[in-house]
Structures are given as structure tokens and as C-alpha cells.
Amino acid sequence: MKFTGQIFAVRGNNDTNGKIRTIAKVEYAKKVMLLTHGNEFDVKKNYEKLIQFSYNQGADIVLFGHTHKQDYFTRNGMIFVNPGALKDRETRTMLFYEAPHKLKRT
């Protein structure tokens, strides 16, 4: 099976490629999704900066990482998901998604 979807990447705190952005805002199925590694919002301390930024951006769904721990919660009508580490001693998570429709980058 050949992948035909789009890939959206965000830079993490250990990535050195300055050409990859730190935050991506994507619209899909009339929903606004934010993708971020999370380190710029101090998510290891708490989620308040991330929640406030996401609210100001009009996000419906926020995907983030940095803590390497799976998490899911809702706040102010927004859904927040941290899939955990892609490769970690404690957590093994692989997240693949192929959108059946074109995603719109905003």
C-alpha cells in the first residue's frame, strides 16, 4: 500500500533543522489542529501556556509531545493529545494517519 497523504512535521527540542517549524496549524474537516513539540510551552511544568496559546489560535485539537508520556484531556472545548514517545523504553507508540481529504495548512 502506497501512502498518498500529506505529512506535517514540527521541530522538537533536540532537532537541529531550523527549516522545520515549531508549530503547525492545520485545518481538516472544519476543525483547527495545532501540532507542536511542546517544549516552547514548558509542558513538563504544566499545560497552562499551551492551553492559552491554543485557545488564542482557535484550536479544536492540539497534538503535542516533549514529556514522552501519553496524555489526553479536554479544556475549554479543545481536545489535547500527547501520544507519548515514538520510541522509548517505557512507552512504544506509533501514530500514523492518512487523511482521505486534502488538509489545508493555515
N, C-alpha and C. Protein backbone atom coordinates (compact mmCIF):
# COMPACT_ATOMS: atom_id res chain seq x y z
N MET A 1 0.83 -1.16 0.00
CA MET A 1 0.00 0.00 0.00
C MET A 1 0.89 1.24 0.00
N LYS A 2 0.60 2.18 -0.88
CA LYS A 2 1.40 3.39 -1.01
C LYS A 2 0.72 4.54 -0.26
N PHE A 3 1.50 5.24 0.55
CA PHE A 3 0.99 6.40 1.28
C PHE A 3 0.80 7.55 0.32
N THR A 4 -0.39 8.14 0.32
CA THR A 4 -0.68 9.24 -0.60
C THR A 4 -1.08 10.52 0.13
N GLY A 5 -1.03 10.50 1.46
CA GLY A 5 -1.44 11.66 2.25
C GLY A 5 -0.32 12.67 2.39
N GLN A 6 -0.56 13.66 3.21
CA GLN A 6 0.42 14.70 3.49
C GLN A 6 1.05 14.44 4.86
N ILE A 7 2.28 14.88 5.01
CA ILE A 7 2.97 14.75 6.28
C ILE A 7 3.24 16.15 6.82
N PHE A 8 2.89 16.37 8.06
CA PHE A 8 3.15 17.64 8.73
C PHE A 8 4.13 17.36 9.86
N ALA A 9 5.23 18.06 9.88
CA ALA A 9 6.26 17.83 10.89
C ALA A 9 6.50 19.11 11.68
N VAL A 10 6.81 18.94 12.95
CA VAL A 10 7.23 20.07 13.78
C VAL A 10 8.55 19.70 14.45
N ARG A 11 9.35 20.69 14.69
CA ARG A 11 10.68 20.50 15.25
C ARG A 11 10.60 20.32 16.76
N GLY A 12 11.39 19.40 17.27
CA GLY A 12 11.48 19.17 18.71
C GLY A 12 12.68 19.88 19.30
N ASN A 13 12.85 19.76 20.60
CA ASN A 13 13.92 20.47 21.28
C ASN A 13 15.31 19.94 20.93
N ASN A 14 15.43 18.72 20.39
CA ASN A 14 16.73 18.18 20.01
C ASN A 14 16.96 18.18 18.50
N ASP A 15 16.02 18.69 17.74
CA ASP A 15 16.16 18.75 16.29
C ASP A 15 16.96 19.99 15.91
N THR A 16 17.87 19.82 14.95
CA THR A 16 18.74 20.93 14.56
C THR A 16 18.34 21.57 13.24
N ASN A 17 17.37 21.01 12.53
CA ASN A 17 16.96 21.55 11.25
C ASN A 17 16.06 22.77 11.46
N GLY A 18 16.64 23.95 11.32
CA GLY A 18 15.89 25.18 11.52
C GLY A 18 14.83 25.44 10.46
N LYS A 19 14.80 24.64 9.40
CA LYS A 19 13.81 24.82 8.34
C LYS A 19 12.45 24.24 8.72
N ILE A 20 12.44 23.36 9.72
CA ILE A 20 11.19 22.76 10.18
C ILE A 20 10.60 23.67 11.25
N ARG A 21 9.35 24.01 11.09
CA ARG A 21 8.72 24.94 12.04
C ARG A 21 8.46 24.26 13.39
N THR A 22 8.25 25.08 14.41
CA THR A 22 8.00 24.55 15.75
C THR A 22 6.51 24.35 16.02
N ILE A 23 5.66 25.02 15.26
CA ILE A 23 4.22 24.89 15.42
C ILE A 23 3.58 24.81 14.03
N ALA A 24 2.67 23.89 13.85
CA ALA A 24 1.92 23.80 12.60
C ALA A 24 0.44 23.95 12.93
N LYS A 25 -0.24 24.72 12.12
CA LYS A 25 -1.69 24.90 12.26
C LYS A 25 -2.32 24.34 11.00
N VAL A 26 -3.18 23.34 11.17
CA VAL A 26 -3.74 22.61 10.04
C VAL A 26 -5.26 22.58 10.19
N GLU A 27 -5.95 22.79 9.08
CA GLU A 27 -7.42 22.70 9.09
C GLU A 27 -7.84 21.42 8.38
N TYR A 28 -8.71 20.66 9.03
CA TYR A 28 -9.21 19.42 8.45
C TYR A 28 -10.63 19.20 8.94
N ALA A 29 -11.53 18.90 8.02
CA ALA A 29 -12.93 18.61 8.36
C ALA A 29 -13.53 19.70 9.25
N LYS A 30 -13.24 20.93 8.90
CA LYS A 30 -13.75 22.11 9.62
C LYS A 30 -13.26 22.19 11.06
N LYS A 31 -12.14 21.56 11.33
CA LYS A 31 -11.51 21.61 12.65
C LYS A 31 -10.11 22.19 12.51
N VAL A 32 -9.71 22.97 13.48
CA VAL A 32 -8.36 23.53 13.51
C VAL A 32 -7.51 22.69 14.45
N MET A 33 -6.41 22.15 13.90
CA MET A 33 -5.49 21.34 14.68
C MET A 33 -4.16 22.07 14.82
N LEU A 34 -3.63 22.06 16.02
CA LEU A 34 -2.29 22.59 16.26
C LEU A 34 -1.37 21.43 16.57
N LEU A 35 -0.19 21.45 15.97
CA LEU A 35 0.83 20.44 16.23
C LEU A 35 2.05 21.16 16.76
N THR A 36 2.58 20.71 17.87
CA THR A 36 3.77 21.31 18.45
C THR A 36 4.51 20.26 19.27
N HIS A 37 5.80 20.42 19.39
CA HIS A 37 6.55 19.52 20.25
C HIS A 37 6.17 19.78 21.71
N GLY A 38 6.04 21.05 22.07
CA GLY A 38 5.58 21.40 23.40
C GLY A 38 6.62 22.03 24.30
N ASN A 39 7.90 21.88 23.96
CA ASN A 39 8.93 22.42 24.84
C ASN A 39 8.85 23.94 24.96
N GLU A 40 8.42 24.64 23.91
CA GLU A 40 8.34 26.09 23.96
C GLU A 40 7.21 26.58 24.87
N PHE A 41 6.39 25.66 25.34
CA PHE A 41 5.29 25.99 26.25
C PHE A 41 5.50 25.41 27.65
N ASP A 42 6.70 24.92 27.94
CA ASP A 42 7.04 24.38 29.26
C ASP A 42 6.06 23.30 29.72
N VAL A 43 5.69 22.38 28.83
CA VAL A 43 4.67 21.39 29.18
C VAL A 43 5.14 20.38 30.23
N LYS A 44 6.44 20.30 30.48
CA LYS A 44 6.89 19.42 31.56
C LYS A 44 6.52 20.02 32.92
N LYS A 45 6.36 21.34 32.97
CA LYS A 45 5.98 22.01 34.21
C LYS A 45 4.46 21.97 34.39
N ASN A 46 3.73 22.48 33.39
CA ASN A 46 2.26 22.43 33.37
C ASN A 46 1.79 22.76 31.96
N TYR A 47 0.51 22.67 31.73
CA TYR A 47 -0.03 22.87 30.38
C TYR A 47 -0.64 24.25 30.17
N GLU A 48 -0.56 25.14 31.12
CA GLU A 48 -1.29 26.41 31.04
C GLU A 48 -0.88 27.27 29.85
N LYS A 49 0.41 27.39 29.55
CA LYS A 49 0.85 28.19 28.40
C LYS A 49 0.34 27.59 27.09
N LEU A 50 0.39 26.27 26.98
CA LEU A 50 -0.10 25.58 25.79
C LEU A 50 -1.61 25.78 25.64
N ILE A 51 -2.33 25.66 26.73
CA ILE A 51 -3.79 25.83 26.69
C ILE A 51 -4.15 27.25 26.26
N GLN A 52 -3.49 28.25 26.82
CA GLN A 52 -3.79 29.64 26.48
C GLN A 52 -3.46 29.94 25.02
N PHE A 53 -2.29 29.48 24.55
CA PHE A 53 -1.91 29.70 23.15
C PHE A 53 -2.92 29.02 22.22
N SER A 54 -3.28 27.80 22.53
CA SER A 54 -4.21 27.04 21.68
C SER A 54 -5.57 27.72 21.62
N TYR A 55 -6.02 28.21 22.75
CA TYR A 55 -7.30 28.93 22.80
C TYR A 55 -7.24 30.19 21.93
N ASN A 56 -6.15 30.94 22.03
CA ASN A 56 -5.97 32.16 21.23
C ASN A 56 -5.90 31.87 19.74
N GLN A 57 -5.44 30.67 19.37
CA GLN A 57 -5.33 30.28 17.96
C GLN A 57 -6.64 29.68 17.42
N GLY A 58 -7.62 29.50 18.27
CA GLY A 58 -8.90 28.92 17.85
C GLY A 58 -8.81 27.43 17.58
N ALA A 59 -7.94 26.75 18.30
CA ALA A 59 -7.73 25.31 18.07
C ALA A 59 -8.89 24.49 18.59
N ASP A 60 -9.16 23.42 17.87
CA ASP A 60 -10.12 22.41 18.30
C ASP A 60 -9.39 21.19 18.88
N ILE A 61 -8.27 20.86 18.24
CA ILE A 61 -7.48 19.69 18.61
C ILE A 61 -6.01 20.11 18.68
N VAL A 62 -5.32 19.69 19.74
CA VAL A 62 -3.91 20.02 19.90
C VAL A 62 -3.12 18.73 20.11
N LEU A 63 -2.14 18.50 19.25
CA LEU A 63 -1.24 17.35 19.37
C LEU A 63 0.11 17.88 19.82
N PHE A 64 0.64 17.31 20.91
CA PHE A 64 1.91 17.80 21.44
C PHE A 64 2.69 16.65 22.04
N GLY A 65 3.92 16.93 22.42
CA GLY A 65 4.78 15.90 23.00
C GLY A 65 5.66 16.47 24.09
N HIS A 66 6.94 16.20 24.01
CA HIS A 66 8.02 16.66 24.87
C HIS A 66 8.11 15.91 26.20
N THR A 67 7.01 15.52 26.79
CA THR A 67 7.06 14.84 28.08
C THR A 67 7.36 13.35 27.95
N HIS A 68 7.16 12.80 26.75
CA HIS A 68 7.32 11.37 26.46
C HIS A 68 6.32 10.51 27.23
N LYS A 69 5.27 11.12 27.72
CA LYS A 69 4.22 10.39 28.43
C LYS A 69 2.87 10.61 27.74
N GLN A 70 2.15 9.54 27.53
CA GLN A 70 0.84 9.65 26.90
C GLN A 70 -0.10 10.44 27.79
N ASP A 71 -0.90 11.29 27.16
CA ASP A 71 -1.87 12.08 27.91
C ASP A 71 -3.01 12.48 26.99
N TYR A 72 -4.16 12.66 27.58
CA TYR A 72 -5.36 13.10 26.86
C TYR A 72 -6.22 13.88 27.85
N PHE A 73 -6.65 15.06 27.45
CA PHE A 73 -7.56 15.82 28.29
C PHE A 73 -8.29 16.85 27.43
N THR A 74 -9.35 17.41 27.96
CA THR A 74 -10.08 18.47 27.28
C THR A 74 -10.08 19.70 28.18
N ARG A 75 -10.09 20.86 27.53
CA ARG A 75 -10.16 22.12 28.25
C ARG A 75 -10.77 23.17 27.34
N ASN A 76 -11.73 23.90 27.83
CA ASN A 76 -12.38 24.97 27.06
C ASN A 76 -12.87 24.47 25.70
N GLY A 77 -13.36 23.24 25.64
CA GLY A 77 -13.87 22.69 24.40
C GLY A 77 -12.81 22.16 23.45
N MET A 78 -11.53 22.24 23.84
CA MET A 78 -10.43 21.76 23.00
C MET A 78 -9.99 20.38 23.47
N ILE A 79 -9.53 19.57 22.53
CA ILE A 79 -9.00 18.24 22.83
C ILE A 79 -7.48 18.29 22.74
N PHE A 80 -6.80 17.83 23.78
CA PHE A 80 -5.34 17.79 23.82
C PHE A 80 -4.89 16.34 23.87
N VAL A 81 -3.94 15.99 22.98
CA VAL A 81 -3.44 14.62 22.92
C VAL A 81 -1.92 14.64 22.86
N ASN A 82 -1.31 13.89 23.76
CA ASN A 82 0.11 13.63 23.71
C ASN A 82 0.25 12.12 23.49
N PRO A 83 0.71 11.69 22.31
CA PRO A 83 0.77 10.26 22.02
C PRO A 83 1.87 9.52 22.76
N GLY A 84 2.71 10.23 23.49
CA GLY A 84 3.84 9.60 24.17
C GLY A 84 5.05 9.62 23.27
N ALA A 85 6.01 8.80 23.56
CA ALA A 85 7.24 8.74 22.77
C ALA A 85 7.07 7.79 21.59
N LEU A 86 7.61 8.17 20.44
CA LEU A 86 7.59 7.27 19.29
C LEU A 86 8.46 6.05 19.57
N LYS A 87 9.55 6.27 20.28
CA LYS A 87 10.41 5.16 20.66
C LYS A 87 10.99 5.49 22.02
N ASP A 88 10.63 4.69 23.00
CA ASP A 88 11.03 4.96 24.36
C ASP A 88 11.08 3.63 25.11
N ARG A 89 11.85 3.56 26.15
CA ARG A 89 11.92 2.31 26.92
C ARG A 89 10.59 1.98 27.58
N GLU A 90 9.88 3.03 28.05
CA GLU A 90 8.64 2.81 28.78
C GLU A 90 7.43 2.71 27.87
N THR A 91 7.40 3.51 26.84
CA THR A 91 6.20 3.62 26.00
C THR A 91 6.58 3.39 24.55
N ARG A 92 5.83 2.59 23.87
CA ARG A 92 6.04 2.38 22.44
C ARG A 92 4.77 2.79 21.72
N THR A 93 4.82 3.93 21.08
CA THR A 93 3.65 4.48 20.39
C THR A 93 4.04 4.81 18.97
N MET A 94 3.25 4.39 18.04
CA MET A 94 3.43 4.80 16.66
C MET A 94 2.10 5.35 16.19
N LEU A 95 2.12 6.57 15.69
CA LEU A 95 0.89 7.22 15.28
C LEU A 95 0.98 7.49 13.78
N PHE A 96 0.15 6.81 13.01
CA PHE A 96 0.08 7.02 11.58
C PHE A 96 -1.35 7.40 11.23
N TYR A 97 -1.49 8.34 10.32
CA TYR A 97 -2.82 8.76 9.92
C TYR A 97 -2.78 9.22 8.48
N GLU A 98 -3.63 8.67 7.68
CA GLU A 98 -3.73 9.11 6.28
C GLU A 98 -5.10 9.73 6.10
N ALA A 99 -5.10 11.00 5.82
CA ALA A 99 -6.34 11.72 5.65
C ALA A 99 -6.95 11.39 4.28
N PRO A 100 -8.24 11.09 4.24
CA PRO A 100 -8.87 10.81 2.96
C PRO A 100 -9.09 12.06 2.12
N HIS A 101 -8.99 13.22 2.74
CA HIS A 101 -9.16 14.50 2.04
C HIS A 101 -7.91 15.32 2.22
N LYS A 102 -7.74 16.30 1.38
CA LYS A 102 -6.58 17.19 1.49
C LYS A 102 -6.69 18.03 2.77
N LEU A 103 -5.60 18.14 3.48
CA LEU A 103 -5.54 19.01 4.63
C LEU A 103 -5.13 20.40 4.18
N LYS A 104 -5.64 21.40 4.83
CA LYS A 104 -5.33 22.78 4.46
C LYS A 104 -4.43 23.39 5.51
N ARG A 105 -3.26 23.81 5.10
CA ARG A 105 -2.31 24.45 6.01
C ARG A 105 -2.73 25.90 6.16
N THR A 106 -2.83 26.37 7.41
CA THR A 106 -3.21 27.78 7.63
C THR A 106 -2.10 28.52 8.33
